[in-house]
Amino acid sequence: AVVCGAFGPTRDLTHTDPAVHENCFAYIRACFELCNAVGA
């Protein structure tokens, strides 16, 4: 497996609102956990 993320307006690390960054960090962390689970 290869795991790819999907990055829309609520997952934007260059957004003016730091809360959006935190949402993106949480999403990426969940993707990392999926990578670990499937061997990516």
PDB file of all heavy atoms in Angstrom:
ATOM      1  N   ALA A   1       0.816  -1.217   0.000  1.00  0.00           N
ATOM      2  CA  ALA A   1       0.000   0.000   0.000  1.00  0.00           C
ATOM      3  C   ALA A   1       0.844   1.258   0.000  1.00  0.00           C
ATOM      4  O   ALA A   1       1.915   1.312   0.610  1.00  0.00           O
ATOM      5  CB  ALA A   1      -0.931   0.015   1.210  1.00  0.00           C
ATOM      6  N   VAL A   2       0.328   2.264  -0.698  1.00  0.00           N
ATOM      7  CA  VAL A   2       0.772   3.649  -0.569  1.00  0.00           C
ATOM      8  C   VAL A   2      -0.438   4.431  -0.082  1.00  0.00           C
ATOM      9  O   VAL A   2      -1.557   4.208  -0.556  1.00  0.00           O
ATOM     10  CB  VAL A   2       1.270   4.212  -1.911  1.00  0.00           C
ATOM     11  CG1 VAL A   2       1.438   5.727  -1.844  1.00  0.00           C
ATOM     12  CG2 VAL A   2       2.579   3.551  -2.314  1.00  0.00           C
ATOM     13  N   VAL A   3      -0.235   5.326   0.874  1.00  0.00           N
ATOM     14  CA  VAL A   3      -1.333   6.139   1.402  1.00  0.00           C
ATOM     15  C   VAL A   3      -1.133   7.590   0.975  1.00  0.00           C
ATOM     16  O   VAL A   3      -0.046   8.158   1.132  1.00  0.00           O
ATOM     17  CB  VAL A   3      -1.404   6.044   2.937  1.00  0.00           C
ATOM     18  CG1 VAL A   3      -2.508   6.966   3.479  1.00  0.00           C
ATOM     19  CG2 VAL A   3      -1.661   4.604   3.374  1.00  0.00           C
ATOM     20  N   CYS A   4      -2.196   8.182   0.418  1.00  0.00           N
ATOM     21  CA  CYS A   4      -2.168   9.572  -0.022  1.00  0.00           C
ATOM     22  C   CYS A   4      -3.208  10.378   0.746  1.00  0.00           C
ATOM     23  O   CYS A   4      -4.329   9.900   0.968  1.00  0.00           O
ATOM     24  CB  CYS A   4      -2.456   9.673  -1.516  1.00  0.00           C
ATOM     25  SG  CYS A   4      -1.204   8.898  -2.554  1.00  0.00           S
ATOM     26  N   GLY A   5      -2.839  11.585   1.124  1.00  0.00           N
ATOM     27  CA  GLY A   5      -3.762  12.456   1.821  1.00  0.00           C
ATOM     28  C   GLY A   5      -4.567  13.315   0.864  1.00  0.00           C
ATOM     29  O   GLY A   5      -4.205  13.501  -0.300  1.00  0.00           O
ATOM     30  N   ALA A   6      -5.678  13.850   1.374  1.00  0.00           N
ATOM     31  CA  ALA A   6      -6.552  14.739   0.605  1.00  0.00           C
ATOM     32  C   ALA A   6      -6.664  16.060   1.377  1.00  0.00           C
ATOM     33  O   ALA A   6      -7.084  16.066   2.542  1.00  0.00           O
ATOM     34  CB  ALA A   6      -7.925  14.114   0.407  1.00  0.00           C
ATOM     35  N   PHE A   7      -6.304  17.149   0.721  1.00  0.00           N
ATOM     36  CA  PHE A   7      -6.159  18.424   1.435  1.00  0.00           C
ATOM     37  C   PHE A   7      -7.061  19.495   0.839  1.00  0.00           C
ATOM     38  O   PHE A   7      -6.765  20.090  -0.197  1.00  0.00           O
ATOM     39  CB  PHE A   7      -4.689  18.856   1.407  1.00  0.00           C
ATOM     40  CG  PHE A   7      -3.805  17.884   2.137  1.00  0.00           C
ATOM     41  CD1 PHE A   7      -3.235  16.814   1.473  1.00  0.00           C
ATOM     42  CD2 PHE A   7      -3.604  18.002   3.500  1.00  0.00           C
ATOM     43  CE1 PHE A   7      -2.462  15.880   2.140  1.00  0.00           C
ATOM     44  CE2 PHE A   7      -2.833  17.071   4.186  1.00  0.00           C
ATOM     45  CZ  PHE A   7      -2.258  16.007   3.506  1.00  0.00           C
ATOM     46  N   GLY A   8      -8.174  19.727   1.534  1.00  0.00           N
ATOM     47  CA  GLY A   8      -9.129  20.755   1.150  1.00  0.00           C
ATOM     48  C   GLY A   8      -9.029  21.955   2.074  1.00  0.00           C
ATOM     49  O   GLY A   8      -8.093  22.076   2.872  1.00  0.00           O
ATOM     50  N   PRO A   9      -9.997  22.866   2.017  1.00  0.00           N
ATOM     51  CA  PRO A   9      -9.927  24.124   2.770  1.00  0.00           C
ATOM     52  C   PRO A   9      -9.816  23.959   4.284  1.00  0.00           C
ATOM     53  O   PRO A   9      -9.262  24.848   4.951  1.00  0.00           O
ATOM     54  CB  PRO A   9     -11.243  24.819   2.392  1.00  0.00           C
ATOM     55  CG  PRO A   9     -11.617  24.241   1.072  1.00  0.00           C
ATOM     56  CD  PRO A   9     -11.165  22.819   1.107  1.00  0.00           C
ATOM     57  N   THR A  10     -10.314  22.869   4.841  1.00  0.00           N
ATOM     58  CA  THR A  10     -10.215  22.675   6.297  1.00  0.00           C
ATOM     59  C   THR A  10      -8.917  21.989   6.700  1.00  0.00           C
ATOM     60  O   THR A  10      -8.689  21.762   7.892  1.00  0.00           O
ATOM     61  CB  THR A  10     -11.404  21.848   6.806  1.00  0.00           C
ATOM     62  OG1 THR A  10     -11.362  20.532   6.224  1.00  0.00           O
ATOM     63  CG2 THR A  10     -12.719  22.508   6.467  1.00  0.00           C
ATOM     64  N   ARG A  11      -8.069  21.671   5.714  1.00  0.00           N
ATOM     65  CA  ARG A  11      -6.771  21.022   5.972  1.00  0.00           C
ATOM     66  C   ARG A  11      -5.687  21.811   5.247  1.00  0.00           C
ATOM     67  O   ARG A  11      -5.048  21.326   4.325  1.00  0.00           O
ATOM     68  CB  ARG A  11      -6.799  19.563   5.491  1.00  0.00           C
ATOM     69  CG  ARG A  11      -7.855  18.703   6.166  1.00  0.00           C
ATOM     70  CD  ARG A  11      -8.017  17.379   5.441  1.00  0.00           C
ATOM     71  NE  ARG A  11      -9.057  16.547   6.052  1.00  0.00           N
ATOM     72  CZ  ARG A  11      -9.563  15.466   5.472  1.00  0.00           C
ATOM     73  NH1 ARG A  11      -9.123  15.076   4.276  1.00  0.00           N
ATOM     74  NH2 ARG A  11     -10.513  14.767   6.083  1.00  0.00           N
ATOM     75  N   ASP A  12      -5.503  23.030   5.680  1.00  0.00           N
ATOM     76  CA  ASP A  12      -4.645  23.971   4.964  1.00  0.00           C
ATOM     77  C   ASP A  12      -3.594  24.533   5.920  1.00  0.00           C
ATOM     78  O   ASP A  12      -3.895  25.338   6.789  1.00  0.00           O
ATOM     79  CB  ASP A  12      -5.516  25.104   4.392  1.00  0.00           C
ATOM     80  CG  ASP A  12      -4.721  26.117   3.599  1.00  0.00           C
ATOM     81  OD1 ASP A  12      -3.486  25.983   3.519  1.00  0.00           O
ATOM     82  OD2 ASP A  12      -5.344  27.045   3.056  1.00  0.00           O
ATOM     83  N   LEU A  13      -2.344  24.098   5.729  1.00  0.00           N
ATOM     84  CA  LEU A  13      -1.271  24.522   6.622  1.00  0.00           C
ATOM     85  C   LEU A  13      -0.788  25.938   6.361  1.00  0.00           C
ATOM     86  O   LEU A  13       0.071  26.447   7.083  1.00  0.00           O
ATOM     87  CB  LEU A  13      -0.093  23.550   6.524  1.00  0.00           C
ATOM     88  CG  LEU A  13      -0.343  22.146   7.080  1.00  0.00           C
ATOM     89  CD1 LEU A  13       0.910  21.280   6.933  1.00  0.00           C
ATOM     90  CD2 LEU A  13      -0.790  22.190   8.539  1.00  0.00           C
ATOM     91  N   THR A  14      -1.335  26.614   5.349  1.00  0.00           N
ATOM     92  CA  THR A  14      -1.006  28.025   5.132  1.00  0.00           C
ATOM     93  C   THR A  14      -2.226  28.933   5.346  1.00  0.00           C
ATOM     94  O   THR A  14      -2.213  30.093   4.944  1.00  0.00           O
ATOM     95  CB  THR A  14      -0.434  28.246   3.719  1.00  0.00           C
ATOM     96  OG1 THR A  14      -1.375  27.794   2.739  1.00  0.00           O
ATOM     97  CG2 THR A  14       0.881  27.514   3.539  1.00  0.00           C
ATOM     98  N   HIS A  15      -3.248  28.415   5.988  1.00  0.00           N
ATOM     99  CA  HIS A  15      -4.442  29.212   6.296  1.00  0.00           C
ATOM    100  C   HIS A  15      -4.101  30.294   7.316  1.00  0.00           C
ATOM    101  O   HIS A  15      -3.168  30.157   8.104  1.00  0.00           O
ATOM    102  CB  HIS A  15      -5.535  28.293   6.854  1.00  0.00           C
ATOM    103  CG  HIS A  15      -6.909  28.868   6.796  1.00  0.00           C
ATOM    104  ND1 HIS A  15      -7.377  29.781   7.725  1.00  0.00           N
ATOM    105  CD2 HIS A  15      -7.932  28.657   5.928  1.00  0.00           C
ATOM    106  CE1 HIS A  15      -8.623  30.111   7.431  1.00  0.00           C
ATOM    107  NE2 HIS A  15      -8.982  29.448   6.344  1.00  0.00           N
ATOM    108  N   THR A  16      -4.857  31.366   7.302  1.00  0.00           N
ATOM    109  CA  THR A  16      -4.623  32.447   8.267  1.00  0.00           C
ATOM    110  C   THR A  16      -5.044  32.083   9.678  1.00  0.00           C
ATOM    111  O   THR A  16      -4.606  32.708  10.644  1.00  0.00           O
ATOM    112  CB  THR A  16      -5.383  33.720   7.829  1.00  0.00           C
ATOM    113  OG1 THR A  16      -6.774  33.403   7.662  1.00  0.00           O
ATOM    114  CG2 THR A  16      -4.812  34.262   6.523  1.00  0.00           C
ATOM    115  N   ASP A  17      -5.891  31.056   9.827  1.00  0.00           N
ATOM    116  CA  ASP A  17      -6.406  30.653  11.140  1.00  0.00           C
ATOM    117  C   ASP A  17      -5.615  29.456  11.663  1.00  0.00           C
ATOM    118  O   ASP A  17      -5.670  28.374  11.073  1.00  0.00           O
ATOM    119  CB  ASP A  17      -7.884  30.292  11.009  1.00  0.00           C
ATOM    120  CG  ASP A  17      -8.532  29.969  12.343  1.00  0.00           C
ATOM    121  OD1 ASP A  17      -7.816  29.932  13.372  1.00  0.00           O
ATOM    122  OD2 ASP A  17      -9.761  29.732  12.355  1.00  0.00           O
ATOM    123  N   PRO A  18      -4.897  29.607  12.772  1.00  0.00           N
ATOM    124  CA  PRO A  18      -4.135  28.490  13.322  1.00  0.00           C
ATOM    125  C   PRO A  18      -4.999  27.280  13.676  1.00  0.00           C
ATOM    126  O   PRO A  18      -4.501  26.152  13.711  1.00  0.00           O
ATOM    127  CB  PRO A  18      -3.482  29.077  14.577  1.00  0.00           C
ATOM    128  CG  PRO A  18      -3.422  30.555  14.327  1.00  0.00           C
ATOM    129  CD  PRO A  18      -4.649  30.861  13.519  1.00  0.00           C
ATOM    130  N   ALA A  19      -6.291  27.499  13.933  1.00  0.00           N
ATOM    131  CA  ALA A  19      -7.175  26.369  14.226  1.00  0.00           C
ATOM    132  C   ALA A  19      -7.273  25.427  13.021  1.00  0.00           C
ATOM    133  O   ALA A  19      -7.419  24.204  13.188  1.00  0.00           O
ATOM    134  CB  ALA A  19      -8.559  26.871  14.628  1.00  0.00           C
ATOM    135  N   VAL A  20      -7.204  25.985  11.821  1.00  0.00           N
ATOM    136  CA  VAL A  20      -7.215  25.151  10.623  1.00  0.00           C
ATOM    137  C   VAL A  20      -5.937  24.320  10.550  1.00  0.00           C
ATOM    138  O   VAL A  20      -5.962  23.153  10.163  1.00  0.00           O
ATOM    139  CB  VAL A  20      -7.391  26.020   9.359  1.00  0.00           C
ATOM    140  CG1 VAL A  20      -7.299  25.172   8.098  1.00  0.00           C
ATOM    141  CG2 VAL A  20      -8.730  26.743   9.401  1.00  0.00           C
ATOM    142  N   HIS A  21      -4.814  24.907  10.952  1.00  0.00           N
ATOM    143  CA  HIS A  21      -3.562  24.146  10.998  1.00  0.00           C
ATOM    144  C   HIS A  21      -3.709  22.959  11.940  1.00  0.00           C
ATOM    145  O   HIS A  21      -3.302  21.831  11.611  1.00  0.00           O
ATOM    146  CB  HIS A  21      -2.394  25.015  11.483  1.00  0.00           C
ATOM    147  CG  HIS A  21      -2.204  26.275  10.715  1.00  0.00           C
ATOM    148  ND1 HIS A  21      -1.363  27.283  11.138  1.00  0.00           N
ATOM    149  CD2 HIS A  21      -2.732  26.701   9.542  1.00  0.00           C
ATOM    150  CE1 HIS A  21      -1.388  28.274  10.270  1.00  0.00           C
ATOM    151  NE2 HIS A  21      -2.220  27.956   9.297  1.00  0.00           N
ATOM    152  N   GLU A  22      -4.274  23.206  13.105  1.00  0.00           N
ATOM    153  CA  GLU A  22      -4.409  22.126  14.093  1.00  0.00           C
ATOM    154  C   GLU A  22      -5.302  21.018  13.558  1.00  0.00           C
ATOM    155  O   GLU A  22      -5.047  19.832  13.803  1.00  0.00           O
ATOM    156  CB  GLU A  22      -4.956  22.680  15.412  1.00  0.00           C
ATOM    157  CG  GLU A  22      -4.003  23.613  16.136  1.00  0.00           C
ATOM    158  CD  GLU A  22      -2.656  22.990  16.441  1.00  0.00           C
ATOM    159  OE1 GLU A  22      -2.617  21.784  16.783  1.00  0.00           O
ATOM    160  OE2 GLU A  22      -1.635  23.698  16.336  1.00  0.00           O
ATOM    161  N   ASN A  23      -6.352  21.383  12.839  1.00  0.00           N
ATOM    162  CA  ASN A  23      -7.217  20.379  12.232  1.00  0.00           C
ATOM    163  C   ASN A  23      -6.438  19.541  11.220  1.00  0.00           C
ATOM    164  O   ASN A  23      -6.589  18.315  11.146  1.00  0.00           O
ATOM    165  CB  ASN A  23      -8.407  21.046  11.558  1.00  0.00           C
ATOM    166  CG  ASN A  23      -9.402  20.039  11.017  1.00  0.00           C
ATOM    167  OD1 ASN A  23     -10.037  19.313  11.771  1.00  0.00           O
ATOM    168  ND2 ASN A  23      -9.537  19.982   9.698  1.00  0.00           N
ATOM    169  N   CYS A  24      -5.577  20.221  10.463  1.00  0.00           N
ATOM    170  CA  CYS A  24      -4.768  19.517   9.469  1.00  0.00           C
ATOM    171  C   CYS A  24      -3.740  18.615  10.144  1.00  0.00           C
ATOM    172  O   CYS A  24      -3.523  17.473   9.707  1.00  0.00           O
ATOM    173  CB  CYS A  24      -4.078  20.524   8.553  1.00  0.00           C
ATOM    174  SG  CYS A  24      -3.292  19.768   7.124  1.00  0.00           S
ATOM    175  N   PHE A  25      -3.116  19.099  11.200  1.00  0.00           N
ATOM    176  CA  PHE A  25      -2.167  18.251  11.940  1.00  0.00           C
ATOM    177  C   PHE A  25      -2.855  16.981  12.452  1.00  0.00           C
ATOM    178  O   PHE A  25      -2.297  15.883  12.364  1.00  0.00           O
ATOM    179  CB  PHE A  25      -1.571  19.012  13.134  1.00  0.00           C
ATOM    180  CG  PHE A  25      -0.628  20.113  12.771  1.00  0.00           C
ATOM    181  CD1 PHE A  25      -0.702  21.340  13.408  1.00  0.00           C
ATOM    182  CD2 PHE A  25       0.350  19.932  11.797  1.00  0.00           C
ATOM    183  CE1 PHE A  25       0.175  22.371  13.092  1.00  0.00           C
ATOM    184  CE2 PHE A  25       1.235  20.954  11.468  1.00  0.00           C
ATOM    185  CZ  PHE A  25       1.146  22.183  12.123  1.00  0.00           C
ATOM    186  N   ALA A  26      -4.069  17.129  12.983  1.00  0.00           N
ATOM    187  CA  ALA A  26      -4.798  15.965  13.503  1.00  0.00           C
ATOM    188  C   ALA A  26      -5.126  14.992  12.377  1.00  0.00           C
ATOM    189  O   ALA A  26      -5.022  13.765  12.540  1.00  0.00           O
ATOM    190  CB  ALA A  26      -6.065  16.424  14.210  1.00  0.00           C
ATOM    191  N   TYR A  27      -5.523  15.526  11.225  1.00  0.00           N
ATOM    192  CA  TYR A  27      -5.809  14.680  10.071  1.00  0.00           C
ATOM    193  C   TYR A  27      -4.558  13.933   9.616  1.00  0.00           C
ATOM    194  O   TYR A  27      -4.596  12.713   9.378  1.00  0.00           O
ATOM    195  CB  TYR A  27      -6.360  15.534   8.931  1.00  0.00           C
ATOM    196  CG  TYR A  27      -6.355  14.819   7.603  1.00  0.00           C
ATOM    197  CD1 TYR A  27      -7.242  13.778   7.334  1.00  0.00           C
ATOM    198  CD2 TYR A  27      -5.437  15.169   6.606  1.00  0.00           C
ATOM    199  CE1 TYR A  27      -7.221  13.115   6.113  1.00  0.00           C
ATOM    200  CE2 TYR A  27      -5.411  14.519   5.394  1.00  0.00           C
ATOM    201  CZ  TYR A  27      -6.302  13.483   5.145  1.00  0.00           C
ATOM    202  OH  TYR A  27      -6.269  12.820   3.959  1.00  0.00           O
ATOM    203  N   ILE A  28      -3.443  14.637   9.507  1.00  0.00           N
ATOM    204  CA  ILE A  28      -2.202  14.006   9.073  1.00  0.00           C
ATOM    205  C   ILE A  28      -1.772  12.926  10.070  1.00  0.00           C
ATOM    206  O   ILE A  28      -1.315  11.846   9.671  1.00  0.00           O
ATOM    207  CB  ILE A  28      -1.099  15.068   8.879  1.00  0.00           C
ATOM    208  CG1 ILE A  28      -1.431  15.938   7.663  1.00  0.00           C
ATOM    209  CG2 ILE A  28       0.269  14.419   8.722  1.00  0.00           C
ATOM    210  CD1 ILE A  28      -0.512  17.144   7.498  1.00  0.00           C
ATOM    211  N   ARG A  29      -1.956  13.196  11.340  1.00  0.00           N
ATOM    212  CA  ARG A  29      -1.603  12.182  12.348  1.00  0.00           C
ATOM    213  C   ARG A  29      -2.453  10.927  12.175  1.00  0.00           C
ATOM    214  O   ARG A  29      -1.945   9.799  12.280  1.00  0.00           O
ATOM    215  CB  ARG A  29      -1.781  12.770  13.748  1.00  0.00           C
ATOM    216  CG  ARG A  29      -1.174  11.916  14.860  1.00  0.00           C
ATOM    217  CD  ARG A  29      -1.165  12.667  16.177  1.00  0.00           C
ATOM    218  NE  ARG A  29      -0.464  13.932  16.070  1.00  0.00           N
ATOM    219  CZ  ARG A  29      -1.031  15.140  16.148  1.00  0.00           C
ATOM    220  NH1 ARG A  29      -2.350  15.234  16.351  1.00  0.00           N
ATOM    221  NH2 ARG A  29      -0.312  16.227  16.035  1.00  0.00           N
ATOM    222  N   ALA A  30      -3.733  11.098  11.883  1.00  0.00           N
ATOM    223  CA  ALA A  30      -4.591   9.939  11.627  1.00  0.00           C
ATOM    224  C   ALA A  30      -4.111   9.179  10.391  1.00  0.00           C
ATOM    225  O   ALA A  30      -4.142   7.933  10.349  1.00  0.00           O
ATOM    226  CB  ALA A  30      -6.044  10.373  11.459  1.00  0.00           C
ATOM    227  N   CYS A  31      -3.638   9.909   9.388  1.00  0.00           N
ATOM    228  CA  CYS A  31      -3.093   9.259   8.192  1.00  0.00           C
ATOM    229  C   CYS A  31      -1.805   8.508   8.514  1.00  0.00           C
ATOM    230  O   CYS A  31      -1.559   7.420   7.974  1.00  0.00           O
ATOM    231  CB  CYS A  31      -2.840  10.286   7.098  1.00  0.00           C
ATOM    232  SG  CYS A  31      -4.331  10.963   6.335  1.00  0.00           S
ATOM    233  N   PHE A  32      -0.982   9.080   9.388  1.00  0.00           N
ATOM    234  CA  PHE A  32       0.237   8.374   9.808  1.00  0.00           C
ATOM    235  C   PHE A  32      -0.114   7.055  10.494  1.00  0.00           C
ATOM    236  O   PHE A  32       0.544   6.022  10.270  1.00  0.00           O
ATOM    237  CB  PHE A  32       1.053   9.245  10.757  1.00  0.00           C
ATOM    238  CG  PHE A  32       1.771  10.400  10.120  1.00  0.00           C
ATOM    239  CD1 PHE A  32       2.175  11.483  10.887  1.00  0.00           C
ATOM    240  CD2 PHE A  32       2.059  10.418   8.762  1.00  0.00           C
ATOM    241  CE1 PHE A  32       2.853  12.552  10.324  1.00  0.00           C
ATOM    242  CE2 PHE A  32       2.734  11.487   8.175  1.00  0.00           C
ATOM    243  CZ  PHE A  32       3.129  12.554   8.962  1.00  0.00           C
ATOM    244  N   GLU A  33      -1.138   7.093  11.323  1.00  0.00           N
ATOM    245  CA  GLU A  33      -1.548   5.865  12.014  1.00  0.00           C
ATOM    246  C   GLU A  33      -2.046   4.826  11.012  1.00  0.00           C
ATOM    247  O   GLU A  33      -1.782   3.621  11.159  1.00  0.00           O
ATOM    248  CB  GLU A  33      -2.618   6.193  13.055  1.00  0.00           C
ATOM    249  CG  GLU A  33      -2.060   7.004  14.228  1.00  0.00           C
ATOM    250  CD  GLU A  33      -3.132   7.600  15.111  1.00  0.00           C
ATOM    251  OE1 GLU A  33      -4.330   7.394  14.824  1.00  0.00           O
ATOM    252  OE2 GLU A  33      -2.759   8.295  16.091  1.00  0.00           O
ATOM    253  N   LEU A  34      -2.742   5.281   9.967  1.00  0.00           N
ATOM    254  CA  LEU A  34      -3.181   4.364   8.917  1.00  0.00           C
ATOM    255  C   LEU A  34      -1.969   3.798   8.182  1.00  0.00           C
ATOM    256  O   LEU A  34      -1.926   2.592   7.886  1.00  0.00           O
ATOM    257  CB  LEU A  34      -4.106   5.093   7.948  1.00  0.00           C
ATOM    258  CG  LEU A  34      -4.577   4.269   6.745  1.00  0.00           C
ATOM    259  CD1 LEU A  34      -5.403   3.061   7.193  1.00  0.00           C
ATOM    260  CD2 LEU A  34      -5.380   5.142   5.780  1.00  0.00           C
ATOM    261  N   CYS A  35      -0.996   4.642   7.869  1.00  0.00           N
ATOM    262  CA  CYS A  35       0.231   4.160   7.229  1.00  0.00           C
ATOM    263  C   CYS A  35       0.870   3.043   8.047  1.00  0.00           C
ATOM    264  O   CYS A  35       1.253   1.995   7.497  1.00  0.00           O
ATOM    265  CB  CYS A  35       1.230   5.304   7.064  1.00  0.00           C
ATOM    266  SG  CYS A  35       0.832   6.515   5.796  1.00  0.00           S
ATOM    267  N   ASN A  36       0.991   3.274   9.339  1.00  0.00           N
ATOM    268  CA  ASN A  36       1.576   2.250  10.201  1.00  0.00           C
ATOM    269  C   ASN A  36       0.771   0.961  10.180  1.00  0.00           C
ATOM    270  O   ASN A  36       1.330  -0.147  10.153  1.00  0.00           O
ATOM    271  CB  ASN A  36       1.685   2.765  11.632  1.00  0.00           C
ATOM    272  CG  ASN A  36       2.778   3.791  11.841  1.00  0.00           C
ATOM    273  OD1 ASN A  36       2.726   4.594  12.765  1.00  0.00           O
ATOM    274  ND2 ASN A  36       3.798   3.795  10.998  1.00  0.00           N
ATOM    275  N   ALA A  37      -0.551   1.092  10.153  1.00  0.00           N
ATOM    276  CA  ALA A  37      -1.409  -0.093  10.191  1.00  0.00           C
ATOM    277  C   ALA A  37      -1.294  -0.922   8.919  1.00  0.00           C
ATOM    278  O   ALA A  37      -1.369  -2.158   8.969  1.00  0.00           O
ATOM    279  CB  ALA A  37      -2.866   0.325  10.413  1.00  0.00           C
ATOM    280  N   VAL A  38      -1.112  -0.263   7.762  1.00  0.00           N
ATOM    281  CA  VAL A  38      -1.124  -0.995   6.493  1.00  0.00           C
ATOM    282  C   VAL A  38       0.275  -1.214   5.921  1.00  0.00           C
ATOM    283  O   VAL A  38       0.428  -1.764   4.829  1.00  0.00           O
ATOM    284  CB  VAL A  38      -2.003  -0.293   5.438  1.00  0.00           C
ATOM    285  CG1 VAL A  38      -3.439  -0.160   5.954  1.00  0.00           C
ATOM    286  CG2 VAL A  38      -1.442   1.066   5.030  1.00  0.00           C
ATOM    287  N   GLY A  39       1.300  -0.799   6.663  1.00  0.00           N
ATOM    288  CA  GLY A  39       2.664  -1.052   6.226  1.00  0.00           C
ATOM    289  C   GLY A  39       3.208  -0.074   5.206  1.00  0.00           C
ATOM    290  O   GLY A  39       4.227  -0.351   4.564  1.00  0.00           O
ATOM    291  N   ALA A  40       2.576   1.081   5.043  1.00  0.00           N
ATOM    292  CA  ALA A  40       3.102   2.111   4.150  1.00  0.00           C
ATOM    293  C   ALA A  40       4.256   2.828   4.844  1.00  0.00           C
ATOM    294  O   ALA A  40       4.249   2.985   6.067  1.00  0.00           O
ATOM    295  CB  ALA A  40       2.015   3.105   3.775  1.00  0.00           C
TER     296      ALA A  40
END
